[in-house]
Structures are given as structure tokens and as C-alpha cells.
Protein backbone atom coordinates (compact mmCIF):
# COMPACT_ATOMS: atom_id res chain seq x y z
CA MET A 1 15.12 19.44 -11.66
CA HIS A 2 13.61 18.38 -8.33
CA GLY A 3 10.24 16.83 -7.97
CA PRO A 4 7.11 18.50 -6.51
CA THR A 5 7.10 18.71 -2.75
CA THR A 6 3.41 19.51 -2.07
CA ALA A 7 0.07 18.32 -3.37
CA ALA A 8 -0.51 21.72 -5.01
CA GLU A 9 2.86 21.56 -6.80
CA ARG A 10 2.16 18.03 -7.99
CA GLU A 11 -1.24 19.04 -9.32
CA ALA A 12 0.34 21.97 -11.19
CA VAL A 13 2.99 19.74 -12.75
CA ASP A 14 0.36 17.17 -13.72
CA GLU A 15 -1.65 19.90 -15.45
CA ALA A 16 1.43 21.23 -17.27
CA LEU A 17 2.31 17.75 -18.49
CA ARG A 18 -1.28 17.19 -19.70
CA VAL A 19 -1.79 20.39 -21.69
CA GLY A 20 1.67 21.83 -22.36
CA THR A 21 3.37 21.75 -25.75
CA LEU A 22 5.95 18.95 -26.12
CA ASN A 23 9.14 19.93 -27.90
CA VAL A 24 11.49 17.00 -28.61
CA VAL A 25 15.10 17.80 -27.76
CA GLY A 26 16.73 14.38 -27.79
CA ARG A 27 16.41 10.60 -27.64
CA ILE A 28 17.53 8.24 -24.85
CA VAL A 29 19.55 5.87 -27.03
CA GLU A 30 20.13 3.30 -24.30
CA ALA A 31 16.39 2.71 -23.91
CA SER A 32 14.92 -0.53 -25.20
CA ASN A 33 11.91 1.36 -26.61
CA VAL A 34 11.56 4.84 -28.04
CA ALA A 35 12.10 7.28 -25.21
CA LEU A 36 12.36 11.00 -26.01
CA LEU A 37 13.53 13.86 -23.85
CA VAL A 38 11.08 16.73 -24.26
CA GLU A 39 10.66 20.25 -23.02
CA VAL A 40 7.14 21.08 -21.88
CA THR A 41 5.97 24.65 -22.30
CA SER A 42 2.59 26.02 -21.16
CA PRO A 43 0.16 27.05 -23.89
CA GLU A 44 0.46 30.69 -22.85
CA GLY A 45 4.22 30.47 -22.28
CA SER A 46 3.78 31.82 -18.78
CA GLY A 47 4.82 28.84 -16.70
CA PRO A 48 8.30 27.32 -16.26
CA VAL A 49 9.69 25.01 -18.92
CA LEU A 50 9.60 21.44 -17.65
CA GLN A 51 11.77 18.60 -18.83
CA ALA A 52 10.09 15.23 -19.24
CA ILE A 53 10.49 11.81 -20.80
CA TYR A 54 7.95 10.98 -23.51
CA LYS A 55 7.42 7.30 -24.42
CA PRO A 56 5.09 6.93 -27.42
CA ILE A 57 3.04 3.74 -27.65
CA ARG A 58 3.98 3.37 -31.33
CA GLY A 59 7.65 3.04 -30.26
CA GLU A 60 7.06 0.05 -27.94
CA ARG A 61 8.59 -3.28 -28.93
CA PRO A 62 6.30 -6.34 -28.57
CA LEU A 63 7.19 -8.37 -25.48
CA TRP A 64 6.45 -12.08 -25.22
CA ASP A 65 6.01 -11.89 -21.44
CA PHE A 66 3.83 -8.75 -21.48
CA PRO A 67 1.71 -9.36 -24.61
CA GLU A 68 -1.37 -7.44 -23.39
CA GLY A 69 -1.82 -3.76 -22.72
CA THR A 70 0.82 -1.04 -23.27
CA LEU A 71 3.95 -0.02 -21.43
CA ALA A 72 2.67 3.56 -21.39
CA GLY A 73 -0.57 2.48 -19.72
CA ARG A 74 1.42 0.62 -17.04
CA GLU A 75 3.68 3.65 -16.49
CA VAL A 76 0.67 5.92 -15.87
CA ALA A 77 -1.13 3.27 -13.75
CA SER A 78 1.98 2.91 -11.60
CA ALA A 79 2.05 6.64 -10.91
CA LEU A 80 -1.68 6.69 -10.03
CA VAL A 81 -1.35 3.70 -7.67
CA ALA A 82 1.79 5.22 -6.03
CA GLU A 83 -0.07 8.46 -5.32
CA ALA A 84 -3.29 6.73 -4.18
CA THR A 85 -1.46 4.50 -1.70
CA GLY A 86 0.77 7.21 -0.28
CA TYR A 87 3.94 5.60 -1.64
CA ALA A 88 4.36 8.57 -3.96
CA VAL A 89 7.84 7.90 -5.25
CA VAL A 90 6.83 7.96 -8.93
CA PRO A 91 7.20 11.35 -10.65
CA PRO A 92 4.06 12.91 -12.09
CA THR A 93 3.10 10.89 -15.20
CA VAL A 94 0.27 11.37 -17.69
CA LEU A 95 -1.06 9.64 -20.78
CA ARG A 96 -1.53 12.10 -23.65
CA ASP A 97 -1.02 12.74 -27.36
CA GLY A 98 2.41 13.89 -28.48
CA PRO A 99 4.58 14.34 -31.59
CA LEU A 100 4.54 10.56 -32.20
CA GLY A 101 1.03 9.93 -31.01
CA ALA A 102 -0.33 8.82 -27.64
CA GLY A 103 2.20 7.91 -24.94
CA SER A 104 3.29 8.44 -21.39
CA VAL A 105 4.89 11.74 -20.34
CA GLN A 106 6.79 11.74 -17.01
CA LEU A 107 8.52 14.64 -15.26
CA TRP A 108 12.33 14.27 -15.52
CA ILE A 109 14.02 14.37 -12.12
CA GLY A 110 17.52 15.81 -12.03
CA ASP A 111 19.64 17.13 -14.89
CA PRO A 112 19.32 15.04 -18.06
CA TYR A 113 22.66 16.40 -19.30
CA ALA A 114 24.65 15.58 -16.16
CA PRO A 115 26.91 12.50 -16.18
CA GLU A 116 25.62 9.52 -14.27
CA THR A 117 27.10 8.79 -10.84
CA ASP A 118 27.23 5.77 -8.56
CA GLU A 119 25.94 7.80 -5.57
CA GLY A 120 22.40 6.48 -5.48
CA PRO A 121 20.32 4.61 -2.88
CA VAL A 122 21.48 1.30 -4.41
CA ARG A 123 25.23 0.69 -4.79
CA ILE A 124 27.92 -1.97 -4.90
CA VAL A 125 30.55 -2.31 -2.20
CA PRO A 126 33.45 -4.74 -1.63
CA VAL A 127 31.99 -8.16 -0.87
CA GLY A 128 30.64 -8.44 2.67
CA GLN A 129 31.40 -4.82 3.61
CA VAL A 130 27.84 -3.60 4.16
CA PRO A 131 27.91 -0.05 5.60
CA ASP A 132 25.91 0.91 8.66
CA GLY A 133 22.43 2.00 7.66
CA TRP A 134 22.46 -0.19 4.55
CA LEU A 135 21.17 -3.68 3.76
CA GLY A 136 22.91 -6.34 1.72
CA VAL A 137 21.02 -7.93 -1.17
CA VAL A 138 23.26 -10.27 -3.12
CA ASP A 139 26.96 -11.04 -3.71
CA GLY A 140 28.35 -11.08 -7.24
CA GLU A 141 31.33 -10.25 -9.42
CA LEU A 142 32.22 -7.32 -11.70
CA PRO A 143 33.38 -8.14 -15.27
CA ASP A 144 37.00 -8.09 -14.04
CA GLY A 145 36.25 -10.69 -11.38
CA THR A 146 36.13 -8.31 -8.42
CA ALA A 147 33.82 -9.70 -5.70
CA VAL A 148 31.14 -7.23 -4.63
CA THR A 149 27.87 -7.01 -2.72
CA VAL A 150 24.81 -5.12 -3.92
CA VAL A 151 23.47 -2.99 -1.05
CA HIS A 152 20.68 -0.50 -0.64
CA GLU A 153 19.75 2.10 1.97
CA ALA A 154 17.67 1.04 4.95
CA THR A 155 15.62 4.26 4.85
CA ALA A 156 11.87 4.50 5.34
CA ASP A 157 11.26 5.99 1.90
CA LEU A 158 13.20 3.23 0.17
CA ARG A 159 11.10 0.73 2.16
CA ASP A 160 8.05 2.54 0.74
CA ALA A 161 9.43 1.87 -2.72
CA ALA A 162 9.86 -1.82 -1.87
CA VAL A 163 6.24 -2.11 -0.77
CA LEU A 164 5.10 -0.24 -3.88
CA ASP A 165 7.08 -2.65 -6.06
CA ALA A 166 5.28 -5.56 -4.37
CA ILE A 167 1.92 -3.89 -5.07
CA LEU A 168 2.84 -3.19 -8.71
CA ASN A 169 4.45 -6.65 -9.24
CA ASN A 170 7.37 -4.69 -10.64
CA SER A 171 9.44 -6.88 -12.94
CA ASP A 172 12.31 -4.45 -13.53
CA ARG A 173 13.37 -2.56 -10.41
CA LYS A 174 17.03 -1.81 -11.23
CA GLY A 175 19.16 0.25 -8.88
CA SER A 176 19.54 2.95 -11.50
CA HIS A 177 15.78 3.37 -11.53
CA LEU A 178 15.95 5.01 -8.10
CA VAL A 179 17.36 8.52 -7.57
CA ARG A 180 17.33 11.34 -5.09
CA ASP A 181 16.71 14.89 -6.20
CA ALA A 182 18.38 18.07 -4.96
CA HIS A 183 16.16 17.94 -1.82
CA ALA A 184 17.16 14.29 -1.15
CA THR A 185 13.59 13.18 -2.02
CA LEU A 186 13.46 9.62 -3.41
CA TRP A 187 12.02 9.01 -6.88
CA GLY A 188 11.61 5.84 -8.92
CA PHE A 189 10.97 5.49 -12.67
CA ASP A 190 10.67 2.97 -15.52
CA HIS A 191 7.47 1.19 -14.54
CA GLY A 192 6.52 -0.27 -17.89
CA LEU A 193 6.99 -3.87 -16.77
CA THR A 194 4.40 -3.94 -14.01
CA PHE A 195 0.93 -5.30 -13.20
CA HIS A 196 1.35 -8.71 -14.79
CA ALA A 197 -1.31 -11.24 -13.73
CA GLU A 198 1.41 -13.75 -12.82
CA PRO A 199 3.91 -13.21 -9.99
CA LYS A 200 6.95 -11.55 -11.60
CA LEU A 201 8.48 -9.42 -8.85
CA ARG A 202 12.08 -8.73 -9.86
CA THR A 203 13.89 -6.10 -7.86
CA VAL A 204 17.06 -5.11 -6.04
CA LEU A 205 15.09 -4.08 -2.99
CA TRP A 206 15.13 -7.44 -1.18
CA GLY A 207 16.69 -6.11 2.08
CA TRP A 208 13.42 -6.45 3.97
CA ALA A 209 12.37 -9.83 2.43
CA GLY A 210 10.34 -11.91 4.89
CA GLU A 211 10.18 -9.13 7.52
CA PRO A 212 6.82 -7.96 8.87
CA LEU A 213 5.24 -5.02 7.09
CA ARG A 214 4.87 -1.84 9.09
CA GLY A 215 1.47 -1.16 10.63
CA SER A 216 1.05 1.81 8.28
CA ASP A 217 1.69 -0.48 5.33
CA ILE A 218 -1.07 -2.83 6.33
CA GLU A 219 -3.50 0.04 6.85
CA ARG A 220 -2.68 1.50 3.40
CA LEU A 221 -2.97 -1.88 1.73
CA ALA A 222 -6.33 -2.61 3.32
CA THR A 223 -7.69 0.81 2.30
CA PHE A 224 -6.45 0.40 -1.23
CA ALA A 225 -7.94 -3.08 -1.49
CA GLU A 226 -11.34 -1.59 -0.58
CA ARG A 227 -10.99 0.97 -3.37
CA LEU A 228 -10.09 -1.71 -5.92
CA ALA A 229 -13.15 -3.71 -4.90
CA ASP A 230 -15.41 -0.71 -5.60
CA ASP A 231 -16.31 -0.62 -9.29
CA GLU A 232 -17.61 2.95 -8.81
CA ASP A 233 -14.31 4.24 -7.46
CA ALA A 234 -12.78 6.80 -9.84
CA LEU A 235 -9.25 5.34 -9.59
CA THR A 236 -10.55 1.81 -10.23
CA GLN A 237 -12.43 3.03 -13.31
CA THR A 238 -9.27 4.74 -14.62
CA LEU A 239 -7.18 1.61 -14.07
CA THR A 240 -9.75 -0.34 -16.06
CA VAL A 241 -8.86 1.77 -19.06
CA LEU A 242 -5.10 1.63 -18.52
CA LEU A 243 -4.65 -2.12 -17.69
CA PRO A 244 -5.82 -5.44 -19.10
CA PRO A 245 -8.71 -6.88 -17.06
CA GLU A 246 -6.74 -9.90 -15.84
CA ASP A 247 -3.91 -7.64 -14.58
CA LEU A 248 -6.32 -5.39 -12.73
CA ALA A 249 -8.02 -8.40 -11.13
CA ALA A 250 -4.62 -9.76 -10.06
CA LEU A 251 -3.74 -6.37 -8.54
CA GLY A 252 -6.72 -6.64 -6.19
CA VAL A 253 -5.83 -10.19 -5.20
CA ARG A 254 -2.18 -9.22 -4.65
CA VAL A 255 -2.98 -6.21 -2.47
CA ARG A 256 -5.38 -8.21 -0.29
CA ALA A 257 -2.83 -11.01 0.12
CA LEU A 258 -0.14 -8.53 1.17
CA ALA A 259 -2.48 -6.93 3.70
CA VAL A 260 -3.48 -10.27 5.18
CA GLY A 261 -0.07 -11.93 5.06
CA GLY A 262 1.58 -8.88 6.56
CA ILE A 263 5.15 -9.57 5.39
CA HIS A 264 7.47 -8.31 2.71
CA PRO A 265 7.62 -10.82 -0.20
CA ARG A 266 10.51 -13.23 -0.50
CA PRO A 267 12.23 -14.09 -3.77
CA GLY A 268 10.43 -16.86 -5.58
CA GLY A 269 11.86 -19.77 -7.55
CA ARG A 270 9.79 -19.52 -10.76
CA TRP A 271 11.11 -16.20 -11.99
CA PRO A 272 14.55 -14.45 -11.72
CA SER A 273 14.37 -12.39 -8.55
CA ILE A 274 16.91 -9.70 -9.57
CA PRO A 275 16.91 -7.82 -12.89
CA TRP A 276 19.90 -7.81 -15.21
CA PRO A 277 21.85 -5.71 -14.94
CA ALA A 278 21.06 -5.16 -11.27
CA LEU A 279 22.19 -1.54 -11.41
């Protein structure tokens, strides 16, 4: 399944995810928390059947480093911030009641029954052999000792995802969390480990580290900072419900700092800069 390509399509998908009937068809067994594949049917049965991933709050494991809030709330907040800033790489995601109680429901991109491939925007190549149009991130070894380099595309939409991760303080941007649909549109998922009050950026998208942000990035960041500073703004009020207060306050500080500093973040020394596994 490909993602929505217009604002009208996205609104229609959002509405279907909010009010449609969730029918559980399977469980993602590799997931750390309960993650269920569901089919979403409209109440009247007139619309198309959508596939989505449903993550109930009651299925979340307690995390020592994210003790406050819920993963589901962070998933939904990430989608709202992505859309509000124009870095709309997160599939439509809503918070709603489901078969196992309240949780996040996100449109599934692609075919959930198709085998996984290595043909994504983040890959591994023989060490030092970075292809044209790609950026090297880090050298490493496979389990058999083969030396490799983690690389990612140098495309504008992937750079959007890198800026979004900096905004979200994404602590788990693995390469497998980024896919392209049948129309080559980029999508990113698994945003439960975001919005911490402390700097925890951990990502494979370090190819632009230390480089100046684009002018459009600074404009978007400045506009978003103004919205976050407005207690009457509808998005800010919604984020107040989804996120712990200290995390929301840190979001505003982080966005303003990015806009003023004007550069892509660099890896820090207090927190692992790349998730494990990287892909």
C-alpha cells in the first residue's frame, strides 16, 4: 500500500483510521512491544480496507530511559509535528480505542506480507565504496567479519527526515525504519522513542552532520517555534495532552536552538549516536 499523496487523501485516511473498525489479523513478533497488524474497514463498509499497525498502550513495556508518557502518545505527536512542519514523512497516525484499549494506529506502507529487502534509502556497502549520490555514515563489520560502510541517500526528502529527527530528538532512527512506497515517496515509522527532555538523538542519518541547514529549514523551524510558544495554538494544545510537560518544553527549546544555530546536529558524546542494530 502506498501512502497518501495529497492533503485530501491524507485527511480521508486519517478519518478512516479514527472511526473505522479494527480487525486484528496478526502480530509483529519481532517488535519489543505489542504491535498488531489490523485491517481497517469503514463503518458503512463503503471505503477501501486499509492495513495499519495498532500499538495498544497496555502492551508497552516500561522503559527506564522513557519513564514518563506513553509510546503511543509519542507516535501520534511525531506524526502531528511532521505534518505541521512540512516534513511529512510519517504515515497518518491517530490515537484511538481498539480491541486492546487505547493505542496508536498508523497506516501501513507497503505489503506487510512481502519479504524484507535491502533496497532501502539506508544500506551497507563494502567498506569505503560509497556510491555517487550517497553519503557515508560509519564503518563497521558484519558478524562474519566483513568490513562495511553504512550509507544513506543524499536526497532532499531524506534530508527532511534528518531535520525531523533532530526536531523530535529521535532516539531510534534505524535504517529499516525508512522505506519508499510504490511511488518512491519516503516514509518513516517507529517514533515511540522521541521527545525526551534530554538530548538523545540516535540515528543513522548523520550524513549532513555539521552542515548548514537549508534556508527553508530555518524558516520552517522559526515558524514552528512561534506555534509552540503560543499556548492557544491548537497543535500546541494537542501536544500538551500527548506529551509530558518537560518534554514539550524541551521541544520548544530544541526547535529554537536549531533555528538560531542553523546547522545539522553533530553526534554527541553522552549518548550512543547510532542505534543498534543500525539497520
